[in-house]
Protein backbone atom coordinates (compact mmCIF):
# COMPACT_ATOMS: atom_id res chain seq x y z
CA MET A 1 13.74 -7.38 13.61
CA LEU A 2 16.52 -9.13 15.54
CA VAL A 3 19.33 -6.75 16.51
CA CYS A 4 22.33 -6.81 18.83
CA TRP A 5 24.02 -3.41 19.17
CA LEU A 6 27.75 -4.00 19.86
CA PRO A 7 29.48 -0.58 20.11
CA GLU A 8 29.84 1.28 23.41
CA THR A 9 27.74 4.11 21.93
CA PRO A 10 23.97 4.62 22.18
CA ASP A 11 21.80 2.34 20.02
CA THR A 12 20.51 4.47 17.13
CA ILE A 13 18.51 1.81 15.30
CA PRO A 14 14.86 2.94 15.10
CA GLU A 15 12.25 0.80 16.88
CA ASN A 16 10.25 0.60 13.65
CA ALA A 17 11.13 0.65 9.98
CA SER A 18 12.35 4.01 8.71
CA HIS A 19 10.58 3.67 5.36
CA ARG A 20 6.97 3.39 4.32
CA VAL A 21 5.71 0.72 1.95
CA GLY A 22 3.45 2.03 -0.82
CA ILE A 23 0.71 -0.14 -2.29
CA GLY A 24 -0.99 0.02 -5.68
CA ALA A 25 -3.82 -2.41 -6.41
CA PHE A 26 -4.66 -3.70 -9.89
CA VAL A 27 -8.24 -4.99 -9.62
CA MET A 28 -10.03 -6.80 -12.46
CA ASN A 29 -13.50 -8.36 -12.32
CA SER A 30 -14.82 -11.46 -14.12
CA GLN A 31 -15.74 -9.32 -17.16
CA ARG A 32 -12.06 -8.21 -17.34
CA GLU A 33 -12.98 -4.64 -16.37
CA VAL A 34 -10.21 -2.81 -14.49
CA LEU A 35 -10.98 -0.72 -11.40
CA VAL A 36 -9.72 2.86 -11.48
CA VAL A 37 -10.41 5.74 -9.10
CA GLN A 38 -10.02 9.50 -8.85
CA GLU A 39 -8.35 11.07 -5.81
CA LYS A 40 -10.50 12.86 -3.24
CA ASN A 41 -7.37 14.46 -1.74
CA GLY A 42 -3.84 15.18 -2.86
CA ALA A 43 -2.14 16.61 -5.92
CA PHE A 44 -4.50 15.01 -8.46
CA LYS A 45 -7.76 16.01 -6.75
CA GLY A 46 -10.13 17.55 -9.29
CA GLN A 47 -7.67 17.05 -12.18
CA GLY A 48 -9.65 14.33 -13.97
CA VAL A 49 -6.83 11.83 -13.45
CA TRP A 50 -7.80 8.14 -13.19
CA LYS A 51 -5.51 5.76 -11.30
CA PHE A 52 -5.35 2.42 -9.51
CA PRO A 53 -6.29 2.43 -5.81
CA THR A 54 -3.15 3.24 -3.82
CA GLY A 55 -2.03 3.79 -0.26
CA VAL A 56 0.50 2.88 2.39
CA ALA A 57 0.89 -0.34 4.39
CA ASN A 58 0.33 0.10 8.11
CA GLU A 59 3.07 -0.83 10.59
CA GLY A 60 3.37 -4.63 10.64
CA GLU A 61 0.83 -5.11 7.82
CA ASP A 62 1.79 -7.34 4.90
CA ILE A 63 1.37 -6.05 1.36
CA CYS A 64 -1.44 -8.48 0.52
CA THR A 65 -3.59 -7.29 3.41
CA ALA A 66 -2.69 -3.66 2.70
CA ALA A 67 -3.79 -3.93 -0.93
CA ILE A 68 -7.16 -5.45 0.03
CA ARG A 69 -7.66 -2.80 2.73
CA GLU A 70 -6.81 0.10 0.41
CA VAL A 71 -9.30 -1.09 -2.23
CA LYS A 72 -12.01 -1.39 0.44
CA GLU A 73 -11.21 2.04 1.94
CA GLU A 74 -11.19 3.85 -1.39
CA THR A 75 -14.08 2.10 -3.14
CA GLY A 76 -16.07 -0.01 -0.68
CA ILE A 77 -15.35 -3.04 -2.88
CA GLU A 78 -14.27 -6.35 -1.32
CA ALA A 79 -11.25 -7.60 -3.28
CA GLU A 80 -9.27 -10.83 -3.23
CA PHE A 81 -5.48 -10.81 -3.35
CA VAL A 82 -4.15 -13.10 -6.11
CA GLU A 83 -0.51 -12.21 -6.76
CA VAL A 84 2.19 -9.54 -6.75
CA LEU A 85 2.57 -7.96 -10.20
CA ALA A 86 5.58 -5.80 -9.39
CA PHE A 87 7.84 -5.01 -6.46
CA ARG A 88 10.23 -2.08 -6.46
């Protein structure tokens, strides 16, 4: 981030982003089967809820790399990033 603080007051811009980027990965294999997981921790643990692998991008990590990493962390599956389906 390129910043030049002009006022005569202390610079209050945080060194890093003040928001976290959430990632959800839609993974489909060659048989068109979709990967879903159940949470080991969190609000849905033990509730029988199935969901896409999700997580948070690390500082400086792009969303493509974060999606691949989250799938690997949660399932052990090596995934390939193809495209962004949604951005909000």
